């Protein structure tokens, strides 16, 4: 399974900061509601046993629907537990090390708002780069604020797809899709949607489709 550049921007879900036993069903409902390219499991400050249990519960839900299941920070666990790849930040496992651990699995790398970091990620063998944060976000502290222009620049000069992240909602995503984002990574726009995660996925996909209309 891979994340490839397509003609249409697609949704990339990141799990909320905390999940419970009911989240498996919420994820299934979200994925059944519309097009989703990937799910990233991102849980901070939990032990490895909790991460393993979360992977074992959620990975089959995504993979049964042909949705890539990506592990945040931990390429070792991604390999050991059948994930489709891993995403690393600039303070996590170095991209070249992650590349060796993952083999042919997907490697995504956070590049903030830096063109240099994006080039370095590509040279290290990344399968996609992630830029952001584009908007204020309560999910994590964002060290940089990115401008949509970096997406436009990357789309023109690079073959690797780009993920846009950071405070993205159905109301503000159009400029990012039009600038060349291949994937929109969202958290709150789906999981905190007032009508539930399925409605959040539908709203995001509707916004992406509208953005694609000239």
N, C-alpha and C. Protein backbone atom coordinates (compact mmCIF):
# COMPACT_ATOMS: atom_id res chain seq x y z
N UNK A 1 0.84 -1.19 0.00
CA UNK A 1 0.00 0.00 0.00
C UNK A 1 0.88 1.25 0.00
N UNK A 2 0.49 2.27 -0.74
CA UNK A 2 1.33 3.46 -0.84
C UNK A 2 0.48 4.72 -0.87
N UNK A 3 1.13 5.84 -0.65
CA UNK A 3 0.47 7.15 -0.76
C UNK A 3 1.07 7.84 -1.97
N UNK A 4 0.31 7.89 -3.05
CA UNK A 4 0.81 8.44 -4.29
C UNK A 4 0.09 9.73 -4.64
N UNK A 5 0.77 10.57 -5.38
CA UNK A 5 0.16 11.80 -5.88
C UNK A 5 -0.92 11.44 -6.88
N UNK A 6 -2.10 12.00 -6.71
CA UNK A 6 -3.21 11.77 -7.63
C UNK A 6 -3.72 13.11 -8.14
N UNK A 7 -4.68 13.05 -9.05
CA UNK A 7 -5.23 14.27 -9.63
C UNK A 7 -6.05 15.05 -8.61
N UNK A 8 -6.51 14.35 -7.57
CA UNK A 8 -7.40 14.97 -6.59
C UNK A 8 -6.77 14.92 -5.20
N UNK A 9 -6.84 16.03 -4.50
CA UNK A 9 -6.40 16.08 -3.10
C UNK A 9 -7.25 15.10 -2.29
N UNK A 10 -6.62 14.44 -1.32
CA UNK A 10 -7.33 13.43 -0.52
C UNK A 10 -7.14 13.68 0.98
N UNK A 11 -7.96 13.02 1.74
CA UNK A 11 -7.98 13.20 3.18
C UNK A 11 -7.00 12.23 3.86
N UNK A 12 -6.32 12.72 4.88
CA UNK A 12 -5.35 11.95 5.67
C UNK A 12 -5.73 12.17 7.13
N UNK A 13 -6.30 11.16 7.76
CA UNK A 13 -6.77 11.31 9.13
C UNK A 13 -5.66 11.03 10.13
N UNK A 14 -5.60 11.87 11.16
CA UNK A 14 -4.71 11.65 12.30
C UNK A 14 -5.60 11.42 13.52
N UNK A 15 -5.28 10.40 14.31
CA UNK A 15 -6.12 10.08 15.45
C UNK A 15 -6.08 11.22 16.47
N UNK A 16 -7.13 11.35 17.29
CA UNK A 16 -7.12 12.36 18.34
C UNK A 16 -6.07 12.05 19.41
N UNK A 17 -5.77 13.01 20.27
CA UNK A 17 -4.70 12.82 21.26
C UNK A 17 -4.94 11.67 22.23
N UNK A 18 -6.21 11.35 22.48
CA UNK A 18 -6.54 10.23 23.37
C UNK A 18 -7.68 9.44 22.75
N UNK A 19 -7.62 8.13 22.89
CA UNK A 19 -8.68 7.29 22.35
C UNK A 19 -9.14 6.31 23.43
N UNK A 20 -10.36 5.79 23.26
CA UNK A 20 -10.88 4.80 24.20
C UNK A 20 -11.39 3.59 23.42
N UNK A 21 -12.05 2.68 24.11
CA UNK A 21 -12.50 1.45 23.48
C UNK A 21 -13.51 1.70 22.37
N UNK A 22 -14.24 2.80 22.46
CA UNK A 22 -15.26 3.11 21.45
C UNK A 22 -14.66 3.67 20.17
N UNK A 23 -13.39 4.02 20.20
CA UNK A 23 -12.81 4.70 19.05
C UNK A 23 -12.73 3.80 17.82
N UNK A 24 -12.59 2.51 18.03
CA UNK A 24 -12.53 1.59 16.88
C UNK A 24 -13.77 1.73 16.01
N UNK A 25 -14.94 1.79 16.64
CA UNK A 25 -16.18 1.93 15.88
C UNK A 25 -16.28 3.31 15.25
N UNK A 26 -15.78 4.32 15.94
CA UNK A 26 -15.79 5.67 15.38
C UNK A 26 -14.91 5.75 14.14
N UNK A 27 -13.77 5.09 14.20
CA UNK A 27 -12.88 5.06 13.04
C UNK A 27 -13.55 4.35 11.87
N UNK A 28 -14.17 3.22 12.14
CA UNK A 28 -14.84 2.48 11.07
C UNK A 28 -15.93 3.35 10.43
N UNK A 29 -16.70 4.05 11.24
CA UNK A 29 -17.76 4.90 10.70
C UNK A 29 -17.18 6.02 9.86
N UNK A 30 -16.08 6.59 10.31
CA UNK A 30 -15.45 7.68 9.56
C UNK A 30 -14.94 7.18 8.21
N UNK A 31 -14.28 6.04 8.20
CA UNK A 31 -13.73 5.52 6.96
C UNK A 31 -14.81 5.07 5.99
N UNK A 32 -15.95 4.66 6.51
CA UNK A 32 -17.05 4.24 5.65
C UNK A 32 -17.82 5.42 5.07
N UNK A 33 -17.53 6.62 5.57
CA UNK A 33 -18.31 7.80 5.16
C UNK A 33 -17.79 8.47 3.89
N UNK A 34 -16.58 8.14 3.46
CA UNK A 34 -16.05 8.80 2.27
C UNK A 34 -14.58 8.50 2.08
N UNK A 35 -14.00 9.10 1.05
CA UNK A 35 -12.62 8.82 0.67
C UNK A 35 -11.63 9.26 1.75
N UNK A 36 -10.81 8.33 2.19
CA UNK A 36 -9.71 8.60 3.12
C UNK A 36 -8.50 7.83 2.62
N UNK A 37 -7.37 8.50 2.47
CA UNK A 37 -6.17 7.84 1.95
C UNK A 37 -5.39 7.13 3.04
N UNK A 38 -5.36 7.72 4.24
CA UNK A 38 -4.49 7.17 5.29
C UNK A 38 -5.04 7.53 6.66
N UNK A 39 -4.66 6.71 7.63
CA UNK A 39 -4.91 6.99 9.04
C UNK A 39 -3.57 6.92 9.75
N UNK A 40 -3.23 7.99 10.47
CA UNK A 40 -2.01 7.99 11.28
C UNK A 40 -2.37 7.84 12.74
N UNK A 41 -1.81 6.81 13.38
CA UNK A 41 -2.00 6.62 14.82
C UNK A 41 -0.97 7.49 15.54
N UNK A 42 -1.48 8.49 16.24
CA UNK A 42 -0.60 9.43 16.93
C UNK A 42 -1.03 9.53 18.39
N UNK A 43 -0.34 8.80 19.25
CA UNK A 43 -0.61 8.81 20.67
C UNK A 43 0.68 9.15 21.40
N UNK A 44 0.65 10.23 22.16
CA UNK A 44 1.82 10.65 22.91
C UNK A 44 1.68 10.25 24.38
N UNK A 45 2.80 10.08 25.03
CA UNK A 45 2.83 9.83 26.47
C UNK A 45 2.07 8.58 26.88
N UNK A 46 2.14 7.53 26.04
CA UNK A 46 1.60 6.23 26.42
C UNK A 46 2.71 5.21 26.25
N UNK A 47 2.62 4.10 26.98
CA UNK A 47 3.69 3.12 26.91
C UNK A 47 3.53 2.22 25.68
N UNK A 48 4.56 1.42 25.44
CA UNK A 48 4.57 0.58 24.24
C UNK A 48 3.42 -0.42 24.23
N UNK A 49 3.05 -0.94 25.40
CA UNK A 49 1.94 -1.89 25.43
C UNK A 49 0.65 -1.24 24.96
N UNK A 50 0.43 -0.01 25.37
CA UNK A 50 -0.77 0.71 24.94
C UNK A 50 -0.73 0.98 23.45
N UNK A 51 0.45 1.31 22.94
CA UNK A 51 0.59 1.53 21.49
C UNK A 51 0.31 0.24 20.72
N UNK A 52 0.83 -0.87 21.22
CA UNK A 52 0.61 -2.15 20.54
C UNK A 52 -0.88 -2.51 20.52
N UNK A 53 -1.55 -2.28 21.63
CA UNK A 53 -2.98 -2.60 21.69
C UNK A 53 -3.75 -1.71 20.71
N UNK A 54 -3.38 -0.44 20.64
CA UNK A 54 -4.07 0.47 19.72
C UNK A 54 -3.83 0.06 18.27
N UNK A 55 -2.59 -0.30 17.95
CA UNK A 55 -2.29 -0.75 16.58
C UNK A 55 -3.13 -1.98 16.25
N UNK A 56 -3.14 -2.96 17.14
CA UNK A 56 -3.84 -4.21 16.87
C UNK A 56 -5.35 -4.00 16.73
N UNK A 57 -5.88 -2.99 17.42
CA UNK A 57 -7.32 -2.72 17.33
C UNK A 57 -7.68 -1.93 16.08
N UNK A 58 -6.83 -0.99 15.69
CA UNK A 58 -7.20 -0.04 14.64
C UNK A 58 -6.66 -0.40 13.26
N UNK A 59 -5.50 -1.00 13.21
CA UNK A 59 -4.90 -1.31 11.91
C UNK A 59 -5.82 -2.14 11.01
N UNK A 60 -6.47 -3.20 11.54
CA UNK A 60 -7.35 -3.98 10.66
C UNK A 60 -8.52 -3.17 10.12
N UNK A 61 -9.00 -2.21 10.89
CA UNK A 61 -10.12 -1.38 10.45
C UNK A 61 -9.73 -0.59 9.21
N UNK A 62 -8.53 -0.01 9.25
CA UNK A 62 -8.06 0.78 8.10
C UNK A 62 -7.72 -0.12 6.92
N UNK A 63 -6.93 -1.14 7.16
CA UNK A 63 -6.44 -1.96 6.06
C UNK A 63 -7.55 -2.72 5.36
N UNK A 64 -8.60 -3.09 6.08
CA UNK A 64 -9.73 -3.78 5.45
C UNK A 64 -10.44 -2.88 4.45
N UNK A 65 -10.22 -1.57 4.56
CA UNK A 65 -10.84 -0.61 3.67
C UNK A 65 -9.83 -0.01 2.69
N UNK A 66 -8.69 -0.65 2.55
CA UNK A 66 -7.61 -0.19 1.66
C UNK A 66 -7.13 1.21 2.02
N UNK A 67 -7.12 1.51 3.31
CA UNK A 67 -6.62 2.78 3.83
C UNK A 67 -5.28 2.51 4.50
N UNK A 68 -4.26 3.24 4.11
CA UNK A 68 -2.93 3.05 4.69
C UNK A 68 -2.94 3.37 6.18
N UNK A 69 -2.31 2.51 6.97
CA UNK A 69 -2.24 2.72 8.42
C UNK A 69 -0.81 3.09 8.78
N UNK A 70 -0.62 4.32 9.25
CA UNK A 70 0.70 4.90 9.48
C UNK A 70 0.92 5.09 10.98
N UNK A 71 2.08 4.69 11.45
CA UNK A 71 2.43 4.84 12.86
C UNK A 71 3.26 6.12 13.05
N UNK A 72 2.86 6.94 13.97
CA UNK A 72 3.61 8.16 14.27
C UNK A 72 4.83 7.84 15.13
N UNK A 73 5.96 8.38 14.76
CA UNK A 73 7.20 8.35 15.57
C UNK A 73 7.95 7.02 15.60
N UNK A 74 7.24 5.91 15.49
CA UNK A 74 7.83 4.61 15.83
C UNK A 74 7.89 3.66 14.64
N UNK A 75 8.90 3.81 13.79
CA UNK A 75 9.04 2.87 12.68
C UNK A 75 9.27 1.44 13.13
N UNK A 76 9.87 1.27 14.30
CA UNK A 76 10.10 -0.09 14.80
C UNK A 76 8.78 -0.80 15.07
N UNK A 77 7.83 -0.11 15.70
CA UNK A 77 6.53 -0.71 15.96
C UNK A 77 5.74 -0.88 14.67
N UNK A 78 5.92 0.04 13.74
CA UNK A 78 5.23 -0.08 12.45
C UNK A 78 5.61 -1.38 11.75
N UNK A 79 6.89 -1.69 11.77
CA UNK A 79 7.37 -2.92 11.13
C UNK A 79 6.90 -4.15 11.91
N UNK A 80 7.00 -4.10 13.22
CA UNK A 80 6.70 -5.26 14.04
C UNK A 80 5.22 -5.62 14.05
N UNK A 81 4.37 -4.63 13.79
CA UNK A 81 2.93 -4.86 13.96
C UNK A 81 2.13 -4.65 12.68
N UNK A 82 2.78 -4.79 11.54
CA UNK A 82 2.04 -4.85 10.29
C UNK A 82 1.45 -3.56 9.78
N UNK A 83 1.99 -2.43 10.23
CA UNK A 83 1.51 -1.15 9.71
C UNK A 83 2.01 -0.95 8.27
N UNK A 84 1.43 0.01 7.60
CA UNK A 84 1.83 0.29 6.22
C UNK A 84 3.00 1.27 6.15
N UNK A 85 3.35 1.89 7.27
CA UNK A 85 4.47 2.81 7.27
C UNK A 85 4.53 3.60 8.56
N UNK A 86 5.39 4.59 8.58
CA UNK A 86 5.58 5.43 9.76
C UNK A 86 5.82 6.87 9.34
N UNK A 87 5.47 7.78 10.25
CA UNK A 87 5.72 9.20 10.04
C UNK A 87 6.63 9.68 11.15
N UNK A 88 7.70 10.38 10.80
CA UNK A 88 8.64 10.87 11.81
C UNK A 88 8.77 12.38 11.72
N UNK A 89 8.94 12.99 12.89
CA UNK A 89 9.20 14.42 12.97
C UNK A 89 10.68 14.69 13.01
N UNK A 90 11.01 15.97 13.12
CA UNK A 90 12.42 16.34 13.11
C UNK A 90 13.15 15.98 14.40
N UNK A 91 12.41 15.68 15.47
CA UNK A 91 13.05 15.28 16.73
C UNK A 91 12.82 13.81 17.04
N UNK A 92 12.27 13.07 16.07
CA UNK A 92 12.03 11.64 16.25
C UNK A 92 13.18 10.85 15.62
N UNK A 93 12.93 9.60 15.30
CA UNK A 93 13.92 8.79 14.60
C UNK A 93 14.37 9.50 13.33
N UNK A 94 15.67 9.71 13.11
CA UNK A 94 16.12 10.39 11.88
C UNK A 94 15.60 9.68 10.64
N UNK A 95 15.26 10.46 9.63
CA UNK A 95 14.66 9.89 8.42
C UNK A 95 15.52 8.79 7.78
N UNK A 96 16.83 8.95 7.67
CA UNK A 96 17.62 7.86 7.07
C UNK A 96 17.56 6.56 7.87
N UNK A 97 17.52 6.68 9.19
CA UNK A 97 17.41 5.49 10.04
C UNK A 97 16.03 4.86 9.87
N UNK A 98 15.00 5.72 9.86
CA UNK A 98 13.64 5.22 9.68
C UNK A 98 13.50 4.51 8.33
N UNK A 99 14.14 5.08 7.31
CA UNK A 99 14.07 4.46 5.99
C UNK A 99 14.62 3.03 6.01
N UNK A 100 15.75 2.85 6.69
CA UNK A 100 16.34 1.52 6.77
C UNK A 100 15.47 0.55 7.55
N UNK A 101 14.86 1.03 8.63
CA UNK A 101 14.00 0.19 9.43
C UNK A 101 12.75 -0.24 8.66
N UNK A 102 12.20 0.69 7.89
CA UNK A 102 10.92 0.45 7.22
C UNK A 102 11.03 -0.38 5.95
N UNK A 103 12.20 -0.42 5.35
CA UNK A 103 12.32 -1.14 4.09
C UNK A 103 11.44 -0.51 3.03
N UNK A 104 10.51 -1.28 2.48
CA UNK A 104 9.64 -0.78 1.42
C UNK A 104 8.37 -0.12 1.94
N UNK A 105 8.21 -0.03 3.25
CA UNK A 105 7.01 0.60 3.81
C UNK A 105 7.06 2.11 3.63
N UNK A 106 5.93 2.75 3.85
CA UNK A 106 5.80 4.19 3.64
C UNK A 106 6.57 4.96 4.72
N UNK A 107 7.30 5.98 4.30
CA UNK A 107 7.96 6.90 5.23
C UNK A 107 7.50 8.32 4.93
N UNK A 108 6.92 8.96 5.94
CA UNK A 108 6.57 10.37 5.85
C UNK A 108 7.41 11.17 6.82
N UNK A 109 7.75 12.41 6.45
CA UNK A 109 8.64 13.23 7.27
C UNK A 109 8.06 14.63 7.43
N UNK A 110 7.99 15.10 8.66
CA UNK A 110 7.58 16.47 8.95
C UNK A 110 8.67 17.44 8.51
N UNK A 111 8.29 18.45 7.74
CA UNK A 111 9.27 19.43 7.25
C UNK A 111 8.92 20.86 7.65
N UNK A 112 7.91 21.02 8.49
CA UNK A 112 7.48 22.34 8.98
C UNK A 112 7.23 23.28 7.80
N UNK A 113 7.94 24.39 7.75
CA UNK A 113 7.78 25.33 6.63
C UNK A 113 9.11 25.49 5.90
N UNK A 114 9.91 24.44 5.91
CA UNK A 114 11.29 24.52 5.42
C UNK A 114 11.48 23.79 4.09
N UNK A 115 11.94 24.52 3.12
CA UNK A 115 12.28 23.90 1.84
C UNK A 115 13.51 23.01 1.99
N UNK A 116 14.46 23.43 2.80
CA UNK A 116 15.67 22.63 2.99
C UNK A 116 15.33 21.28 3.63
N UNK A 117 14.45 21.30 4.65
CA UNK A 117 14.07 20.04 5.28
C UNK A 117 13.34 19.12 4.31
N UNK A 118 12.56 19.71 3.41
CA UNK A 118 11.86 18.90 2.41
C UNK A 118 12.84 18.23 1.47
N UNK A 119 13.85 18.97 1.03
CA UNK A 119 14.87 18.36 0.18
C UNK A 119 15.62 17.25 0.92
N UNK A 120 15.94 17.50 2.19
CA UNK A 120 16.65 16.49 2.98
C UNK A 120 15.80 15.24 3.15
N UNK A 121 14.51 15.42 3.36
CA UNK A 121 13.61 14.27 3.50
C UNK A 121 13.58 13.45 2.21
N UNK A 122 13.50 14.15 1.09
CA UNK A 122 13.51 13.45 -0.19
C UNK A 122 14.79 12.67 -0.40
N UNK A 123 15.91 13.28 -0.05
CA UNK A 123 17.20 12.61 -0.21
C UNK A 123 17.33 11.41 0.72
N UNK A 124 16.62 11.46 1.85
CA UNK A 124 16.68 10.35 2.82
C UNK A 124 15.75 9.21 2.44
N UNK A 125 14.97 9.40 1.38
CA UNK A 125 14.10 8.33 0.93
C UNK A 125 12.67 8.42 1.39
N UNK A 126 12.23 9.61 1.79
CA UNK A 126 10.84 9.78 2.21
C UNK A 126 9.89 9.51 1.04
N UNK A 127 8.71 9.01 1.36
CA UNK A 127 7.67 8.79 0.36
C UNK A 127 6.72 9.97 0.27
N UNK A 128 6.69 10.79 1.32
CA UNK A 128 5.95 12.06 1.27
C UNK A 128 6.54 13.01 2.29
N UNK A 129 6.31 14.29 2.09
CA UNK A 129 6.73 15.31 3.04
C UNK A 129 5.48 15.99 3.59
N UNK A 130 5.58 16.49 4.81
CA UNK A 130 4.46 17.16 5.45
C UNK A 130 4.85 18.58 5.81
N UNK A 131 4.04 19.54 5.38
CA UNK A 131 4.27 20.95 5.68
C UNK A 131 3.19 21.46 6.62
N UNK A 132 3.56 22.41 7.49
CA UNK A 132 2.59 23.02 8.39
C UNK A 132 3.29 23.62 9.60
N UNK A 133 2.57 24.21 10.48
CA UNK A 133 1.11 24.27 10.51
C UNK A 133 0.62 25.46 9.67
N UNK A 134 -0.48 25.25 8.95
CA UNK A 134 -1.02 26.30 8.11
C UNK A 134 -1.98 27.21 8.86
N UNK A 135 -2.60 26.68 9.91
CA UNK A 135 -3.55 27.45 10.70
C UNK A 135 -3.32 27.14 12.18
N UNK A 136 -3.83 27.98 13.07
CA UNK A 136 -3.69 27.68 14.50
C UNK A 136 -4.32 26.33 14.83
N UNK A 137 -3.66 25.60 15.72
CA UNK A 137 -4.15 24.28 16.08
C UNK A 137 -3.96 24.03 17.57
N UNK A 138 -4.94 23.36 18.16
CA UNK A 138 -4.85 23.01 19.58
C UNK A 138 -4.32 21.60 19.77
N UNK A 139 -4.12 20.87 18.68
CA UNK A 139 -3.70 19.48 18.78
C UNK A 139 -2.28 19.34 19.28
N UNK A 140 -1.38 20.19 18.79
CA UNK A 140 0.01 20.15 19.23
C UNK A 140 0.61 21.53 19.06
N UNK A 141 1.70 21.79 19.77
CA UNK A 141 2.39 23.07 19.63
C UNK A 141 3.12 23.09 18.30
N UNK A 142 2.78 24.07 17.48
CA UNK A 142 3.37 24.17 16.14
C UNK A 142 4.52 25.18 16.16
N UNK A 143 5.75 24.73 15.88
CA UNK A 143 6.90 25.63 15.94
C UNK A 143 6.95 26.62 14.79
N UNK A 144 6.23 26.34 13.72
CA UNK A 144 6.28 27.22 12.54
C UNK A 144 4.87 27.39 11.99
N UNK A 145 4.71 28.48 11.22
CA UNK A 145 3.48 28.69 10.46
C UNK A 145 3.85 28.69 8.98
N UNK A 146 3.20 27.82 8.24
CA UNK A 146 3.52 27.66 6.82
C UNK A 146 2.55 28.48 5.97
N UNK A 147 3.02 28.85 4.78
CA UNK A 147 2.22 29.58 3.80
C UNK A 147 1.88 28.63 2.66
N UNK A 148 0.68 28.72 2.08
CA UNK A 148 0.33 27.84 0.97
C UNK A 148 1.31 27.88 -0.20
N UNK A 149 2.09 28.94 -0.29
CA UNK A 149 3.04 29.05 -1.39
C UNK A 149 4.04 27.90 -1.39
N UNK A 150 4.36 27.35 -0.20
CA UNK A 150 5.33 26.26 -0.16
C UNK A 150 4.75 25.01 -0.83
N UNK A 151 3.45 24.84 -0.76
CA UNK A 151 2.80 23.72 -1.44
C UNK A 151 2.86 23.90 -2.95
N UNK A 152 2.64 25.12 -3.39
CA UNK A 152 2.70 25.42 -4.82
C UNK A 152 4.11 25.18 -5.36
N UNK A 153 5.09 25.65 -4.61
CA UNK A 153 6.49 25.47 -5.00
C UNK A 153 6.85 23.99 -5.07
N UNK A 154 6.47 23.22 -4.06
CA UNK A 154 6.82 21.81 -4.01
C UNK A 154 6.15 21.04 -5.15
N UNK A 155 4.90 21.34 -5.43
CA UNK A 155 4.19 20.65 -6.51
C UNK A 155 4.85 20.88 -7.86
N UNK A 156 5.48 22.04 -8.01
CA UNK A 156 6.11 22.38 -9.30
C UNK A 156 7.48 21.73 -9.47
N UNK A 157 8.20 21.50 -8.36
CA UNK A 157 9.59 21.06 -8.50
C UNK A 157 9.85 19.63 -8.05
N UNK A 158 8.88 19.00 -7.38
CA UNK A 158 9.14 17.68 -6.79
C UNK A 158 8.08 16.67 -7.21
N UNK A 159 8.48 15.42 -7.23
CA UNK A 159 7.56 14.34 -7.54
C UNK A 159 6.90 13.76 -6.30
N UNK A 160 7.56 13.90 -5.14
CA UNK A 160 6.99 13.37 -3.91
C UNK A 160 5.72 14.14 -3.53
N UNK A 161 4.69 13.43 -3.07
CA UNK A 161 3.48 14.13 -2.63
C UNK A 161 3.71 14.92 -1.34
N UNK A 162 2.85 15.90 -1.12
CA UNK A 162 2.93 16.75 0.07
C UNK A 162 1.65 16.64 0.88
N UNK A 163 1.82 16.53 2.19
CA UNK A 163 0.71 16.55 3.13
C UNK A 163 0.71 17.92 3.81
N UNK A 164 -0.46 18.55 3.84
CA UNK A 164 -0.63 19.80 4.58
C UNK A 164 -1.27 19.48 5.92
N UNK A 165 -0.79 20.13 6.99
CA UNK A 165 -1.29 19.82 8.32
C UNK A 165 -1.36 21.09 9.15
N UNK A 166 -2.23 21.07 10.16
CA UNK A 166 -2.27 22.16 11.10
C UNK A 166 -3.54 23.00 11.03
N UNK A 167 -4.53 22.66 11.87
CA UNK A 167 -5.73 23.47 11.97
C UNK A 167 -6.62 23.45 10.75
N UNK A 168 -6.53 22.43 9.93
CA UNK A 168 -7.26 22.39 8.66
C UNK A 168 -8.71 21.95 8.91
N UNK A 169 -9.64 22.68 8.32
CA UNK A 169 -11.06 22.39 8.43
C UNK A 169 -11.71 22.46 7.05
N UNK A 170 -12.97 22.06 7.00
CA UNK A 170 -13.71 22.18 5.74
C UNK A 170 -13.83 23.63 5.31
N UNK A 171 -13.82 24.55 6.27
CA UNK A 171 -14.01 25.96 5.95
C UNK A 171 -12.75 26.63 5.41
N UNK A 172 -11.57 26.09 5.74
CA UNK A 172 -10.33 26.80 5.35
C UNK A 172 -9.42 26.00 4.42
N UNK A 173 -9.83 24.80 4.01
CA UNK A 173 -8.91 23.92 3.28
C UNK A 173 -8.75 24.26 1.81
N UNK A 174 -9.68 25.00 1.22
CA UNK A 174 -9.66 25.22 -0.23
C UNK A 174 -8.34 25.80 -0.74
N UNK A 175 -7.77 26.83 -0.09
CA UNK A 175 -6.50 27.38 -0.60
C UNK A 175 -5.37 26.36 -0.61
N UNK A 176 -5.38 25.43 0.32
CA UNK A 176 -4.33 24.41 0.38
C UNK A 176 -4.50 23.40 -0.74
N UNK A 177 -5.73 22.97 -0.97
CA UNK A 177 -5.99 22.04 -2.06
C UNK A 177 -5.63 22.67 -3.40
N UNK A 178 -5.97 23.92 -3.58
CA UNK A 178 -5.69 24.60 -4.84
C UNK A 178 -4.21 24.88 -5.02
N UNK A 179 -3.49 25.04 -3.90
CA UNK A 179 -2.06 25.33 -3.99
C UNK A 179 -1.25 24.10 -4.35
N UNK A 180 -1.84 22.91 -4.21
CA UNK A 180 -1.11 21.71 -4.60
C UNK A 180 -0.94 20.66 -3.53
N UNK A 181 -1.60 20.81 -2.39
CA UNK A 181 -1.52 19.75 -1.37
C UNK A 181 -2.10 18.47 -1.94
N UNK A 182 -1.37 17.37 -1.79
CA UNK A 182 -1.86 16.08 -2.24
C UNK A 182 -2.76 15.43 -1.20
N UNK A 183 -2.48 15.74 0.06
CA UNK A 183 -3.26 15.20 1.17
C UNK A 183 -3.46 16.30 2.21
N UNK A 184 -4.62 16.28 2.86
CA UNK A 184 -4.90 17.20 3.95
C UNK A 184 -5.02 16.40 5.23
N UNK A 185 -4.09 16.61 6.16
CA UNK A 185 -4.11 15.91 7.44
C UNK A 185 -5.01 16.66 8.42
N UNK A 186 -5.99 15.95 8.97
CA UNK A 186 -6.94 16.60 9.86
C UNK A 186 -7.12 15.78 11.13
N UNK A 187 -7.44 16.48 12.19
CA UNK A 187 -7.76 15.85 13.48
C UNK A 187 -9.14 16.34 13.92
N UNK A 188 -9.18 17.53 14.48
CA UNK A 188 -10.42 18.05 15.06
C UNK A 188 -11.55 18.21 14.07
N UNK A 189 -11.24 18.52 12.81
CA UNK A 189 -12.29 18.72 11.82
C UNK A 189 -13.14 17.48 11.63
N UNK A 190 -12.59 16.32 11.93
CA UNK A 190 -13.34 15.07 11.84
C UNK A 190 -13.80 14.60 13.21
N UNK A 191 -12.86 14.43 14.13
CA UNK A 191 -13.20 13.81 15.41
C UNK A 191 -14.03 14.71 16.31
N UNK A 192 -13.95 16.02 16.13
CA UNK A 192 -14.74 16.95 16.95
C UNK A 192 -15.93 17.53 16.20
N UNK A 193 -16.24 16.96 15.04
CA UNK A 193 -17.39 17.47 14.28
C UNK A 193 -18.66 17.32 15.11
N UNK A 194 -19.49 18.36 15.17
CA UNK A 194 -20.69 18.29 16.04
C UNK A 194 -21.66 17.18 15.69
N UNK A 195 -21.62 16.70 14.44
CA UNK A 195 -22.52 15.62 14.04
C UNK A 195 -21.80 14.28 13.98
N UNK A 196 -20.58 14.22 14.47
CA UNK A 196 -19.85 12.97 14.52
C UNK A 196 -18.79 12.84 13.44
N UNK A 197 -17.86 11.88 13.60
CA UNK A 197 -16.74 11.71 12.67
C UNK A 197 -17.17 11.44 11.23
N UNK A 198 -18.23 10.66 11.03
CA UNK A 198 -18.67 10.38 9.65
C UNK A 198 -19.07 11.67 8.95
N UNK A 199 -19.77 12.52 9.66
CA UNK A 199 -20.16 13.81 9.08
C UNK A 199 -18.92 14.67 8.82
N UNK A 200 -17.92 14.55 9.68
CA UNK A 200 -16.69 15.30 9.46
C UNK A 200 -15.97 14.89 8.19
N UNK A 201 -15.92 13.57 7.93
CA UNK A 201 -15.31 13.08 6.69
C UNK A 201 -16.10 13.56 5.48
N UNK A 202 -17.41 13.48 5.55
CA UNK A 202 -18.23 13.94 4.43
C UNK A 202 -18.02 15.42 4.16
N UNK A 203 -17.95 16.21 5.23
CA UNK A 203 -17.75 17.65 5.07
C UNK A 203 -16.40 17.97 4.45
N UNK A 204 -15.36 17.27 4.90
CA UNK A 204 -14.04 17.50 4.34
C UNK A 204 -13.97 17.12 2.87
N UNK A 205 -14.54 15.97 2.53
CA UNK A 205 -14.52 15.56 1.12
C UNK A 205 -15.33 16.49 0.24
N UNK A 206 -16.44 16.99 0.75
CA UNK A 206 -17.24 17.95 -0.01
C UNK A 206 -16.45 19.23 -0.24
N UNK A 207 -15.73 19.68 0.77
CA UNK A 207 -14.93 20.90 0.65
C UNK A 207 -13.79 20.71 -0.35
N UNK A 208 -13.16 19.54 -0.31
CA UNK A 208 -12.08 19.25 -1.26
C UNK A 208 -12.62 19.23 -2.68
N UNK A 209 -13.78 18.61 -2.87
CA UNK A 209 -14.37 18.56 -4.22
C UNK A 209 -14.72 19.94 -4.71
N UNK A 210 -15.23 20.77 -3.84
CA UNK A 210 -15.58 22.15 -4.22
C UNK A 210 -14.34 22.95 -4.57
N UNK A 211 -13.27 22.72 -3.82
CA UNK A 211 -12.01 23.44 -4.08
C UNK A 211 -11.46 23.10 -5.44
N UNK A 212 -11.72 21.89 -5.92
CA UNK A 212 -11.17 21.46 -7.20
C UNK A 212 -11.91 22.05 -8.38
N UNK A 213 -13.09 22.64 -8.13
CA UNK A 213 -13.86 23.24 -9.22
C UNK A 213 -13.27 24.59 -9.57
N UNK A 214 -12.89 24.83 -10.84
CA UNK A 214 -12.28 26.10 -11.23
C UNK A 214 -13.20 27.27 -10.93
